[in-house]
């Protein structure tokens, strides 16, 4: 009897093993729909920040050149939030790029042009995506979210230095990168993690592992 039970468990495990990656990798229709909603909603926040950031930027730049990197976070959070909720490969890239597309397709406050806005979204989304990939899409904790926010910030910051701040001196580069990393960690990382848990606590994400996990802990 023990042998039979053991064999049955072994067969069950062997049958389940090939399916485990499929459960992680395969996107459902609901994943696409919710990721799209996150991307579009984030894009609307991007639009607002395209205009609102100009005031704080005008105050920070004279204080210390490069300090305006503290304002980058609101353009970086979409990918981290999308990945924390959907928990599928490509979610960070998809939601950040879609948010950038919403921002790129309007003229409200966007002085960077459609192509460069999309390019920035792609780079920032990849920066976050690579962090989740490094943890094999299995870790969704606060530290990982913070690292993902910093990944988006570092990728986006380097991209900005190349495109918009070419020739900047070393002091500016250092101050800007440190500032954008702080903003990415706090706003794109920690705040997205808190927001994802807050949404999950309402029961709106019960069809997702992120929602069920949060509800079980409450």
Protein backbone atom coordinates (compact mmCIF):
# COMPACT_ATOMS: atom_id res chain seq x y z
CA UNK A 1 0.00 0.00 0.00
CA UNK A 2 2.85 2.38 0.92
CA UNK A 3 4.61 1.55 -2.34
CA UNK A 4 1.44 2.17 -4.31
CA UNK A 5 0.84 5.50 -2.58
CA UNK A 6 4.44 6.52 -3.12
CA UNK A 7 4.27 5.53 -6.79
CA UNK A 8 1.02 7.45 -7.22
CA UNK A 9 2.54 10.56 -5.60
CA UNK A 10 5.63 10.19 -7.74
CA UNK A 11 3.54 9.90 -10.92
CA UNK A 12 1.48 12.88 -9.83
CA UNK A 13 4.61 14.94 -9.27
CA UNK A 14 6.07 13.89 -12.59
CA UNK A 15 2.84 14.80 -14.35
CA UNK A 16 2.72 18.16 -12.54
CA UNK A 17 6.31 19.15 -13.23
CA UNK A 18 5.97 19.82 -16.97
CA UNK A 19 2.86 21.89 -16.30
CA UNK A 20 4.45 24.14 -13.69
CA UNK A 21 6.32 26.36 -16.20
CA UNK A 22 3.15 26.57 -18.29
CA UNK A 23 1.20 27.97 -15.34
CA UNK A 24 3.85 30.64 -14.90
CA UNK A 25 4.49 31.52 -18.52
CA UNK A 26 1.06 31.31 -20.12
CA UNK A 27 -0.94 34.52 -20.23
CA UNK A 28 -4.71 34.27 -19.77
CA UNK A 29 -7.25 36.63 -21.31
CA UNK A 30 -7.82 38.17 -17.88
CA UNK A 31 -4.06 38.81 -17.57
CA UNK A 32 -4.04 40.72 -20.86
CA UNK A 33 -7.15 42.71 -19.95
CA UNK A 34 -5.95 43.72 -16.48
CA UNK A 35 -2.41 44.47 -17.69
CA UNK A 36 -3.92 46.68 -20.39
CA UNK A 37 -6.06 48.52 -17.85
CA UNK A 38 -2.99 49.08 -15.66
CA UNK A 39 -1.01 50.32 -18.67
CA UNK A 40 -3.68 52.76 -19.85
CA UNK A 41 -4.41 54.07 -16.35
CA UNK A 42 -0.68 54.53 -15.74
CA UNK A 43 -0.38 56.32 -19.07
CA UNK A 44 -2.98 58.84 -17.92
CA UNK A 45 -0.86 59.47 -14.82
CA UNK A 46 2.15 59.90 -17.11
CA UNK A 47 0.16 62.53 -19.03
CA UNK A 48 -0.59 64.47 -15.87
CA UNK A 49 3.02 64.25 -14.71
CA UNK A 50 4.25 65.48 -18.11
CA UNK A 51 2.77 68.84 -17.10
CA UNK A 52 3.00 68.81 -13.31
CA UNK A 53 6.70 67.88 -13.08
CA UNK A 54 7.77 71.16 -14.65
CA UNK A 55 7.06 73.13 -11.46
CA UNK A 56 9.14 70.96 -9.08
CA UNK A 57 11.83 70.61 -11.76
CA UNK A 58 12.23 74.37 -11.98
CA UNK A 59 12.78 74.43 -8.20
CA UNK A 60 15.20 71.50 -7.98
CA UNK A 61 17.53 72.20 -10.91
CA UNK A 62 18.95 75.48 -9.52
CA UNK A 63 19.59 73.82 -6.13
CA UNK A 64 21.84 71.13 -7.56
CA UNK A 65 22.09 70.15 -11.23
CA UNK A 66 20.94 66.55 -11.64
CA UNK A 67 18.63 66.63 -8.64
CA UNK A 68 15.67 66.61 -11.02
CA UNK A 69 16.18 62.86 -11.21
CA UNK A 70 14.07 62.71 -8.04
CA UNK A 71 11.09 63.45 -10.27
CA UNK A 72 11.50 60.42 -12.55
CA UNK A 73 9.59 57.94 -10.37
CA UNK A 74 6.06 58.71 -11.63
CA UNK A 75 7.21 57.67 -15.13
CA UNK A 76 8.69 54.40 -13.89
CA UNK A 77 6.02 52.73 -11.76
CA UNK A 78 3.78 51.19 -14.46
CA UNK A 79 6.05 48.25 -15.22
CA UNK A 80 6.69 47.38 -11.59
CA UNK A 81 3.01 47.61 -10.66
CA UNK A 82 1.97 45.54 -13.66
CA UNK A 83 4.47 42.81 -12.87
CA UNK A 84 3.54 42.68 -9.18
CA UNK A 85 -0.12 42.16 -10.06
CA UNK A 86 0.08 39.95 -13.16
CA UNK A 87 3.18 37.95 -12.13
CA UNK A 88 3.91 36.78 -15.66
CA UNK A 89 7.02 37.19 -17.82
CA UNK A 90 6.73 40.30 -19.96
CA UNK A 91 4.21 42.06 -17.69
CA UNK A 92 6.63 44.81 -16.65
CA UNK A 93 7.65 45.49 -20.22
CA UNK A 94 4.08 45.39 -21.54
CA UNK A 95 2.52 47.72 -18.98
CA UNK A 96 5.37 50.27 -19.05
CA UNK A 97 5.40 50.33 -22.85
CA UNK A 98 1.61 50.66 -23.06
CA UNK A 99 1.68 53.51 -20.55
CA UNK A 100 4.35 55.22 -22.66
CA UNK A 101 2.21 54.69 -25.77
CA UNK A 102 -0.72 56.48 -24.13
CA UNK A 103 1.61 59.34 -23.26
CA UNK A 104 3.16 59.34 -26.74
CA UNK A 105 -0.11 59.46 -28.64
CA UNK A 106 -1.23 62.75 -27.11
CA UNK A 107 0.15 66.26 -27.24
CA UNK A 108 -0.60 67.09 -23.60
CA UNK A 109 2.69 68.15 -22.06
CA UNK A 110 4.73 65.74 -24.17
CA UNK A 111 7.74 67.66 -25.45
CA UNK A 112 9.83 64.56 -26.23
CA UNK A 113 8.02 63.28 -29.30
CA UNK A 114 6.20 59.99 -29.84
CA UNK A 115 9.21 57.89 -30.88
CA UNK A 116 11.47 58.87 -27.98
CA UNK A 117 8.61 58.49 -25.50
CA UNK A 118 8.01 54.93 -26.70
CA UNK A 119 11.75 54.25 -26.68
CA UNK A 120 11.96 55.45 -23.07
CA UNK A 121 9.04 53.21 -22.09
CA UNK A 122 10.73 50.24 -23.71
CA UNK A 123 14.04 50.84 -21.92
CA UNK A 124 12.42 51.48 -18.54
CA UNK A 125 10.18 48.43 -18.87
CA UNK A 126 13.18 46.26 -19.70
CA UNK A 127 15.04 47.58 -16.67
CA UNK A 128 12.25 46.41 -14.37
CA UNK A 129 11.64 43.19 -16.31
CA UNK A 130 15.25 42.07 -15.94
CA UNK A 131 15.03 42.28 -12.15
CA UNK A 132 11.98 40.02 -12.01
CA UNK A 133 13.68 37.69 -14.49
CA UNK A 134 16.74 37.53 -12.22
CA UNK A 135 14.45 36.08 -9.54
CA UNK A 136 12.88 33.69 -12.09
CA UNK A 137 9.48 35.38 -11.67
CA UNK A 138 9.12 33.70 -8.26
CA UNK A 139 9.80 36.53 -5.81
CA UNK A 140 7.36 39.43 -5.43
CA UNK A 141 8.44 40.87 -2.10
CA UNK A 142 9.02 44.50 -1.18
CA UNK A 143 12.83 44.26 -1.62
CA UNK A 144 12.38 42.80 -5.11
CA UNK A 145 9.87 45.52 -5.99
CA UNK A 146 12.36 48.16 -4.82
CA UNK A 147 15.11 46.56 -6.91
CA UNK A 148 12.78 46.51 -9.94
CA UNK A 149 12.02 50.20 -9.45
CA UNK A 150 15.74 50.87 -9.28
CA UNK A 151 16.28 48.74 -12.39
CA UNK A 152 13.76 50.83 -14.31
CA UNK A 153 15.38 54.00 -12.96
CA UNK A 154 18.92 52.96 -13.86
CA UNK A 155 17.95 51.94 -17.39
CA UNK A 156 15.87 55.07 -17.89
CA UNK A 157 18.51 57.28 -16.30
CA UNK A 158 21.30 56.04 -18.55
CA UNK A 159 19.00 56.44 -21.53
CA UNK A 160 18.26 60.04 -20.52
CA UNK A 161 21.93 60.82 -20.01
CA UNK A 162 22.71 59.60 -23.52
CA UNK A 163 19.79 61.31 -25.25
CA UNK A 164 19.17 64.48 -23.25
CA UNK A 165 22.26 65.17 -21.15
CA UNK A 166 25.08 64.22 -23.50
CA UNK A 167 28.30 65.93 -22.46
CA UNK A 168 27.18 66.49 -18.86
CA UNK A 169 30.01 66.64 -16.32
CA UNK A 170 30.71 63.88 -13.82
CA UNK A 171 29.03 65.68 -10.91
CA UNK A 172 25.77 65.99 -12.85
CA UNK A 173 25.89 62.33 -13.92
CA UNK A 174 26.47 61.10 -10.36
CA UNK A 175 23.82 63.35 -8.79
CA UNK A 176 21.29 62.52 -11.49
CA UNK A 177 21.78 58.76 -11.29
CA UNK A 178 21.61 58.72 -7.47
CA UNK A 179 18.50 60.90 -7.56
CA UNK A 180 16.68 58.80 -10.13
CA UNK A 181 17.61 55.59 -8.30
CA UNK A 182 16.11 56.97 -5.08
CA UNK A 183 12.95 57.99 -6.93
CA UNK A 184 12.75 54.61 -8.62
CA UNK A 185 13.19 52.75 -5.33
CA UNK A 186 10.59 54.78 -3.42
CA UNK A 187 7.94 55.63 -5.99
CA UNK A 188 8.23 52.95 -8.67
CA UNK A 189 9.26 50.21 -6.24
CA UNK A 190 7.92 50.61 -2.69
CA UNK A 191 4.83 52.62 -3.59
CA UNK A 192 3.86 50.17 -6.35
CA UNK A 193 4.20 47.28 -3.89
CA UNK A 194 1.96 49.06 -1.36
CA UNK A 195 -0.54 49.93 -4.11
CA UNK A 196 -0.65 46.35 -5.42
CA UNK A 197 -1.32 45.01 -1.91
CA UNK A 198 -3.96 47.66 -1.31
CA UNK A 199 -5.81 46.74 -4.50
CA UNK A 200 -5.51 43.03 -3.69
CA UNK A 201 -6.94 43.55 -0.21
CA UNK A 202 -10.21 44.77 -1.75
CA UNK A 203 -10.73 41.41 -3.46
CA UNK A 204 -10.43 42.89 -6.95
CA UNK A 205 -7.47 40.64 -7.75
CA UNK A 206 -8.82 37.32 -6.46
CA UNK A 207 -8.31 35.76 -9.90
CA UNK A 208 -4.58 36.41 -9.55
CA UNK A 209 -2.00 34.78 -7.32
CA UNK A 210 -1.05 38.25 -6.08
CA UNK A 211 -4.60 38.87 -4.90
CA UNK A 212 -5.14 35.48 -3.29
CA UNK A 213 -1.82 35.63 -1.47
CA UNK A 214 -2.57 39.04 0.01
CA UNK A 215 -6.11 38.06 1.06
CA UNK A 216 -4.84 34.92 2.77
CA UNK A 217 -2.51 36.99 4.92
CA UNK A 218 -5.21 39.42 5.99
